[in-house]
Amino acid sequence: WMFRGFGRAAHIGLQFNLVPLNTIFGYIF
């Protein structure tokens, strides 16, 4: 699921979030 499922395919560039609660609050707000 984490590496192949849900139609995952390699994308260009590294994507990451190192700011705690950034994504969680983004969904909630």
All heavy atoms as atom14 arrays in JSON, in Angstrom:
{
  "sequence": "WMFRGFGRAAHIGLQFNLVPLNTIFGYIF",
  "atom14_mask": [
    [1, 1, 1, 1, 1, 1, 1, 1, 1, 1, 1, 1, 1, 1],
    [1, 1, 1, 1, 1, 1, 1, 1, 0, 0, 0, 0, 0, 0],
    [1, 1, 1, 1, 1, 1, 1, 1, 1, 1, 1, 0, 0, 0],
    [1, 1, 1, 1, 1, 1, 1, 1, 1, 1, 1, 0, 0, 0],
    [1, 1, 1, 1, 0, 0, 0, 0, 0, 0, 0, 0, 0, 0],
    [1, 1, 1, 1, 1, 1, 1, 1, 1, 1, 1, 0, 0, 0],
    [1, 1, 1, 1, 0, 0, 0, 0, 0, 0, 0, 0, 0, 0],
    [1, 1, 1, 1, 1, 1, 1, 1, 1, 1, 1, 0, 0, 0],
    [1, 1, 1, 1, 1, 0, 0, 0, 0, 0, 0, 0, 0, 0],
    [1, 1, 1, 1, 1, 0, 0, 0, 0, 0, 0, 0, 0, 0],
    [1, 1, 1, 1, 1, 1, 1, 1, 1, 1, 0, 0, 0, 0],
    [1, 1, 1, 1, 1, 1, 1, 1, 0, 0, 0, 0, 0, 0],
    [1, 1, 1, 1, 0, 0, 0, 0, 0, 0, 0, 0, 0, 0],
    [1, 1, 1, 1, 1, 1, 1, 1, 0, 0, 0, 0, 0, 0],
    [1, 1, 1, 1, 1, 1, 1, 1, 1, 0, 0, 0, 0, 0],
    [1, 1, 1, 1, 1, 1, 1, 1, 1, 1, 1, 0, 0, 0],
    [1, 1, 1, 1, 1, 1, 1, 1, 0, 0, 0, 0, 0, 0],
    [1, 1, 1, 1, 1, 1, 1, 1, 0, 0, 0, 0, 0, 0],
    [1, 1, 1, 1, 1, 1, 1, 0, 0, 0, 0, 0, 0, 0],
    [1, 1, 1, 1, 1, 1, 1, 0, 0, 0, 0, 0, 0, 0],
    [1, 1, 1, 1, 1, 1, 1, 1, 0, 0, 0, 0, 0, 0],
    [1, 1, 1, 1, 1, 1, 1, 1, 0, 0, 0, 0, 0, 0],
    [1, 1, 1, 1, 1, 1, 1, 0, 0, 0, 0, 0, 0, 0],
    [1, 1, 1, 1, 1, 1, 1, 1, 0, 0, 0, 0, 0, 0],
    [1, 1, 1, 1, 1, 1, 1, 1, 1, 1, 1, 0, 0, 0],
    [1, 1, 1, 1, 0, 0, 0, 0, 0, 0, 0, 0, 0, 0],
    [1, 1, 1, 1, 1, 1, 1, 1, 1, 1, 1, 1, 0, 0],
    [1, 1, 1, 1, 1, 1, 1, 1, 0, 0, 0, 0, 0, 0],
    [1, 1, 1, 1, 1, 1, 1, 1, 1, 1, 1, 0, 0, 0]
  ],
  "atom14_positions": [
    [[0.83, -1.21, 0.0], [0.0, 0.0, 0.0], [0.86, 1.26, 0.0], [0.56, 2.23, -0.67], [-0.93, 0.04, 1.2], [-2.02, -0.97, 1.2], [-2.61, -1.57, 0.13], [-2.65, -1.51, 2.35], [-3.57, -2.45, 0.54], [-3.62, -2.44, 1.91], [-2.5, -1.31, 3.72], [-4.43, -3.15, 2.78], [-3.31, -2.03, 4.59], [-4.26, -2.93, 4.12]],
    [[1.93, 1.23, 0.79], [2.75, 2.43, 0.93], [3.61, 2.73, -0.29], [3.94, 3.88, -0.54], [3.66, 2.31, 2.17], [2.92, 2.41, 3.48], [4.03, 2.35, 4.89], [4.74, 3.98, 4.82], [0.0, 0.0, 0.0], [0.0, 0.0, 0.0], [0.0, 0.0, 0.0], [0.0, 0.0, 0.0], [0.0, 0.0, 0.0], [0.0, 0.0, 0.0]],
    [[3.97, 1.68, -1.05], [4.91, 1.89, -2.15], [4.34, 1.65, -3.54], [4.9, 2.13, -4.51], [6.16, 1.03, -1.94], [6.96, 1.46, -0.75], [6.77, 0.85, 0.49], [7.87, 2.49, -0.85], [7.49, 1.27, 1.6], [8.6, 2.91, 0.25], [8.41, 2.3, 1.48], [0.0, 0.0, 0.0], [0.0, 0.0, 0.0], [0.0, 0.0, 0.0]],
    [[3.26, 0.88, -3.64], [2.71, 0.58, -4.96], [1.2, 0.8, -5.06], [0.68, 1.07, -6.13], [3.01, -0.88, -5.35], [4.47, -1.22, -5.43], [5.22, -0.59, -6.57], [4.66, -1.08, -7.84], [4.73, -0.43, -8.97], [5.34, 0.71, -9.03], [4.22, -0.92, -10.07], [0.0, 0.0, 0.0], [0.0, 0.0, 0.0], [0.0, 0.0, 0.0]],
    [[0.5, 0.63, -3.97], [-0.96, 0.69, -3.97], [-1.51, 2.08, -4.24], [-0.78, 3.07, -4.27], [0.0, 0.0, 0.0], [0.0, 0.0, 0.0], [0.0, 0.0, 0.0], [0.0, 0.0, 0.0], [0.0, 0.0, 0.0], [0.0, 0.0, 0.0], [0.0, 0.0, 0.0], [0.0, 0.0, 0.0], [0.0, 0.0, 0.0], [0.0, 0.0, 0.0]],
    [[-2.81, 2.13, -4.44], [-3.53, 3.38, -4.66], [-3.01, 4.14, -5.89], [-2.98, 5.37, -5.91], [-3.47, 4.29, -3.42], [-3.92, 3.61, -2.16], [-3.0, 3.26, -1.17], [-5.24, 3.26, -1.97], [-3.4, 2.62, -0.02], [-5.65, 2.61, -0.82], [-4.74, 2.29, 0.16], [0.0, 0.0, 0.0], [0.0, 0.0, 0.0], [0.0, 0.0, 0.0]],
    [[-2.55, 3.39, -6.89], [-2.08, 4.0, -8.13], [-0.79, 4.79, -8.0], [-0.51, 5.68, -8.79], [0.0, 0.0, 0.0], [0.0, 0.0, 0.0], [0.0, 0.0, 0.0], [0.0, 0.0, 0.0], [0.0, 0.0, 0.0], [0.0, 0.0, 0.0], [0.0, 0.0, 0.0], [0.0, 0.0, 0.0], [0.0, 0.0, 0.0], [0.0, 0.0, 0.0]],
    [[0.02, 4.46, -7.0], [1.28, 5.19, -6.8], [2.21, 4.97, -7.98], [2.37, 3.85, -8.46], [1.97, 4.74, -5.53], [1.27, 5.19, -4.27], [2.1, 4.81, -3.06], [1.32, 4.93, -1.85], [1.29, 6.02, -1.09], [1.99, 7.06, -1.42], [0.55, 6.04, -0.01], [0.0, 0.0, 0.0], [0.0, 0.0, 0.0], [0.0, 0.0, 0.0]],
    [[2.84, 6.01, -8.39], [3.88, 5.96, -9.41], [4.95, 6.96, -9.01], [4.67, 7.92, -8.3], [3.29, 6.31, -10.77], [0.0, 0.0, 0.0], [0.0, 0.0, 0.0], [0.0, 0.0, 0.0], [0.0, 0.0, 0.0], [0.0, 0.0, 0.0], [0.0, 0.0, 0.0], [0.0, 0.0, 0.0], [0.0, 0.0, 0.0], [0.0, 0.0, 0.0]],
    [[6.15, 6.71, -9.44], [7.25, 7.62, -9.09], [6.96, 9.01, -9.65], [6.45, 9.16, -10.75], [8.57, 7.08, -9.64], [0.0, 0.0, 0.0], [0.0, 0.0, 0.0], [0.0, 0.0, 0.0], [0.0, 0.0, 0.0], [0.0, 0.0, 0.0], [0.0, 0.0, 0.0], [0.0, 0.0, 0.0], [0.0, 0.0, 0.0], [0.0, 0.0, 0.0]],
    [[7.24, 10.02, -8.84], [7.06, 11.4, -9.27], [8.41, 12.09, -9.28], [9.4, 11.58, -8.77], [6.06, 12.14, -8.38], [6.31, 11.97, -6.91], [7.3, 12.63, -6.23], [5.68, 11.19, -5.99], [7.28, 12.28, -4.96], [6.31, 11.4, -4.78], [0.0, 0.0, 0.0], [0.0, 0.0, 0.0], [0.0, 0.0, 0.0], [0.0, 0.0, 0.0]],
    [[8.44, 13.24, -9.87], [9.69, 13.99, -9.99], [9.92, 14.79, -8.71], [9.01, 15.42, -8.19], [9.64, 14.93, -11.21], [9.5, 14.09, -12.48], [10.87, 15.83, -11.28], [9.24, 14.9, -13.73], [0.0, 0.0, 0.0], [0.0, 0.0, 0.0], [0.0, 0.0, 0.0], [0.0, 0.0, 0.0], [0.0, 0.0, 0.0], [0.0, 0.0, 0.0]],
    [[11.13, 14.74, -8.24], [11.49, 15.54, -7.07], [11.11, 14.86, -5.76], [10.23, 14.01, -5.71], [0.0, 0.0, 0.0], [0.0, 0.0, 0.0], [0.0, 0.0, 0.0], [0.0, 0.0, 0.0], [0.0, 0.0, 0.0], [0.0, 0.0, 0.0], [0.0, 0.0, 0.0], [0.0, 0.0, 0.0], [0.0, 0.0, 0.0], [0.0, 0.0, 0.0]],
    [[11.81, 15.28, -4.71], [11.53, 14.76, -3.38], [10.4, 15.57, -2.76], [10.44, 16.79, -2.77], [12.78, 14.84, -2.51], [14.01, 14.08, -3.0], [15.17, 14.29, -2.05], [13.71, 12.61, -3.17], [0.0, 0.0, 0.0], [0.0, 0.0, 0.0], [0.0, 0.0, 0.0], [0.0, 0.0, 0.0], [0.0, 0.0, 0.0], [0.0, 0.0, 0.0]],
    [[9.42, 14.88, -2.21], [8.31, 15.56, -1.55], [8.25, 15.12, -0.1], [8.18, 13.92, 0.18], [7.0, 15.23, -2.27], [6.97, 15.71, -3.71], [5.66, 15.4, -4.39], [4.7, 14.95, -3.78], [5.62, 15.63, -5.69], [0.0, 0.0, 0.0], [0.0, 0.0, 0.0], [0.0, 0.0, 0.0], [0.0, 0.0, 0.0], [0.0, 0.0, 0.0]],
    [[8.27, 16.11, 0.8], [8.24, 15.78, 2.21], [7.72, 16.97, 3.02], [7.72, 18.09, 2.56], [9.62, 15.37, 2.73], [10.71, 16.36, 2.44], [10.99, 17.38, 3.35], [11.44, 16.29, 1.27], [11.98, 18.31, 3.09], [12.45, 17.21, 1.0], [12.71, 18.22, 1.91], [0.0, 0.0, 0.0], [0.0, 0.0, 0.0], [0.0, 0.0, 0.0]],
    [[7.25, 16.65, 4.22], [6.8, 17.66, 5.18], [7.47, 17.34, 6.51], [7.24, 16.25, 7.07], [5.28, 17.65, 5.35], [4.85, 18.46, 6.56], [5.33, 19.56, 6.79], [3.96, 17.89, 7.36], [0.0, 0.0, 0.0], [0.0, 0.0, 0.0], [0.0, 0.0, 0.0], [0.0, 0.0, 0.0], [0.0, 0.0, 0.0], [0.0, 0.0, 0.0]],
    [[8.26, 18.25, 7.02], [8.93, 18.06, 8.3], [8.34, 18.95, 9.4], [8.87, 18.98, 10.51], [10.43, 18.33, 8.16], [11.17, 17.41, 7.18], [12.63, 17.84, 7.05], [11.07, 15.97, 7.61], [0.0, 0.0, 0.0], [0.0, 0.0, 0.0], [0.0, 0.0, 0.0], [0.0, 0.0, 0.0], [0.0, 0.0, 0.0], [0.0, 0.0, 0.0]],
    [[7.25, 19.65, 9.09], [6.62, 20.55, 10.06], [5.49, 19.79, 10.76], [4.47, 19.48, 10.15], [6.07, 21.82, 9.37], [5.42, 22.74, 10.39], [7.16, 22.53, 8.59], [0.0, 0.0, 0.0], [0.0, 0.0, 0.0], [0.0, 0.0, 0.0], [0.0, 0.0, 0.0], [0.0, 0.0, 0.0], [0.0, 0.0, 0.0], [0.0, 0.0, 0.0]],
    [[5.67, 19.47, 12.05], [4.64, 18.72, 12.77], [3.28, 19.43, 12.75], [3.19, 20.65, 12.89], [5.18, 18.63, 14.2], [6.65, 18.82, 14.06], [6.83, 19.76, 12.89], [0.0, 0.0, 0.0], [0.0, 0.0, 0.0], [0.0, 0.0, 0.0], [0.0, 0.0, 0.0], [0.0, 0.0, 0.0], [0.0, 0.0, 0.0], [0.0, 0.0, 0.0]],
    [[2.24, 18.67, 12.51], [0.83, 19.07, 12.5], [0.44, 19.9, 11.28], [-0.72, 20.28, 11.16], [0.44, 19.77, 13.8], [0.75, 19.0, 15.09], [0.4, 19.84, 16.3], [0.04, 17.68, 15.11], [0.0, 0.0, 0.0], [0.0, 0.0, 0.0], [0.0, 0.0, 0.0], [0.0, 0.0, 0.0], [0.0, 0.0, 0.0], [0.0, 0.0, 0.0]],
    [[1.36, 20.18, 10.39], [1.06, 20.98, 9.2], [-0.01, 20.31, 8.33], [-1.0, 20.94, 7.95], [2.35, 21.21, 8.4], [2.15, 22.17, 7.25], [1.6, 23.25, 7.43], [2.6, 21.78, 6.08], [0.0, 0.0, 0.0], [0.0, 0.0, 0.0], [0.0, 0.0, 0.0], [0.0, 0.0, 0.0], [0.0, 0.0, 0.0], [0.0, 0.0, 0.0]],
    [[0.19, 19.06, 8.0], [-0.77, 18.35, 7.15], [-2.08, 18.1, 7.9], [-3.16, 18.28, 7.34], [-0.17, 17.0, 6.69], [1.07, 17.25, 6.02], [-1.1, 16.26, 5.76], [0.0, 0.0, 0.0], [0.0, 0.0, 0.0], [0.0, 0.0, 0.0], [0.0, 0.0, 0.0], [0.0, 0.0, 0.0], [0.0, 0.0, 0.0], [0.0, 0.0, 0.0]],
    [[-1.98, 17.72, 9.16], [-3.18, 17.45, 9.97], [-4.05, 18.69, 10.05], [-5.25, 18.64, 9.77], [-2.79, 16.94, 11.38], [-2.09, 15.58, 11.28], [-4.02, 16.86, 12.28], [-1.45, 15.11, 12.57], [0.0, 0.0, 0.0], [0.0, 0.0, 0.0], [0.0, 0.0, 0.0], [0.0, 0.0, 0.0], [0.0, 0.0, 0.0], [0.0, 0.0, 0.0]],
    [[-3.45, 19.82, 10.43], [-4.23, 21.07, 10.52], [-4.73, 21.51, 9.14], [-5.81, 22.08, 9.03], [-3.41, 22.18, 11.17], [-3.25, 22.02, 12.66], [-2.17, 22.58, 13.31], [-4.18, 21.32, 13.42], [-2.01, 22.45, 14.69], [-4.04, 21.18, 14.79], [-2.95, 21.74, 15.42], [0.0, 0.0, 0.0], [0.0, 0.0, 0.0], [0.0, 0.0, 0.0]],
    [[-3.95, 21.25, 8.1], [-4.39, 21.58, 6.75], [-5.68, 20.86, 6.41], [-6.61, 21.46, 5.85], [0.0, 0.0, 0.0], [0.0, 0.0, 0.0], [0.0, 0.0, 0.0], [0.0, 0.0, 0.0], [0.0, 0.0, 0.0], [0.0, 0.0, 0.0], [0.0, 0.0, 0.0], [0.0, 0.0, 0.0], [0.0, 0.0, 0.0], [0.0, 0.0, 0.0]],
    [[-5.77, 19.59, 6.75], [-7.01, 18.84, 6.52], [-8.16, 19.38, 7.37], [-9.27, 19.55, 6.88], [-6.81, 17.35, 6.84], [-6.18, 16.57, 5.73], [-4.96, 15.92, 5.93], [-6.78, 16.45, 4.48], [-4.37, 15.19, 4.91], [-6.2, 15.72, 3.47], [-5.0, 15.09, 3.68], [-4.42, 14.36, 2.68], [0.0, 0.0, 0.0], [0.0, 0.0, 0.0]],
    [[-7.88, 19.65, 8.63], [-8.94, 20.08, 9.55], [-9.45, 21.48, 9.2], [-10.65, 21.71, 9.12], [-8.45, 20.01, 11.01], [-8.22, 18.55, 11.41], [-9.44, 20.68, 11.96], [-7.5, 18.35, 12.73], [0.0, 0.0, 0.0], [0.0, 0.0, 0.0], [0.0, 0.0, 0.0], [0.0, 0.0, 0.0], [0.0, 0.0, 0.0], [0.0, 0.0, 0.0]],
    [[-8.53, 22.43, 8.99], [-8.94, 23.82, 8.75], [-9.52, 24.05, 7.36], [-10.19, 25.05, 7.13], [-7.78, 24.78, 9.03], [-7.38, 24.82, 10.48], [-6.05, 24.83, 10.84], [-8.34, 24.84, 11.49], [-5.68, 24.86, 12.19], [-7.97, 24.87, 12.83], [-6.64, 24.88, 13.18], [0.0, 0.0, 0.0], [0.0, 0.0, 0.0], [0.0, 0.0, 0.0]]
  ]
}
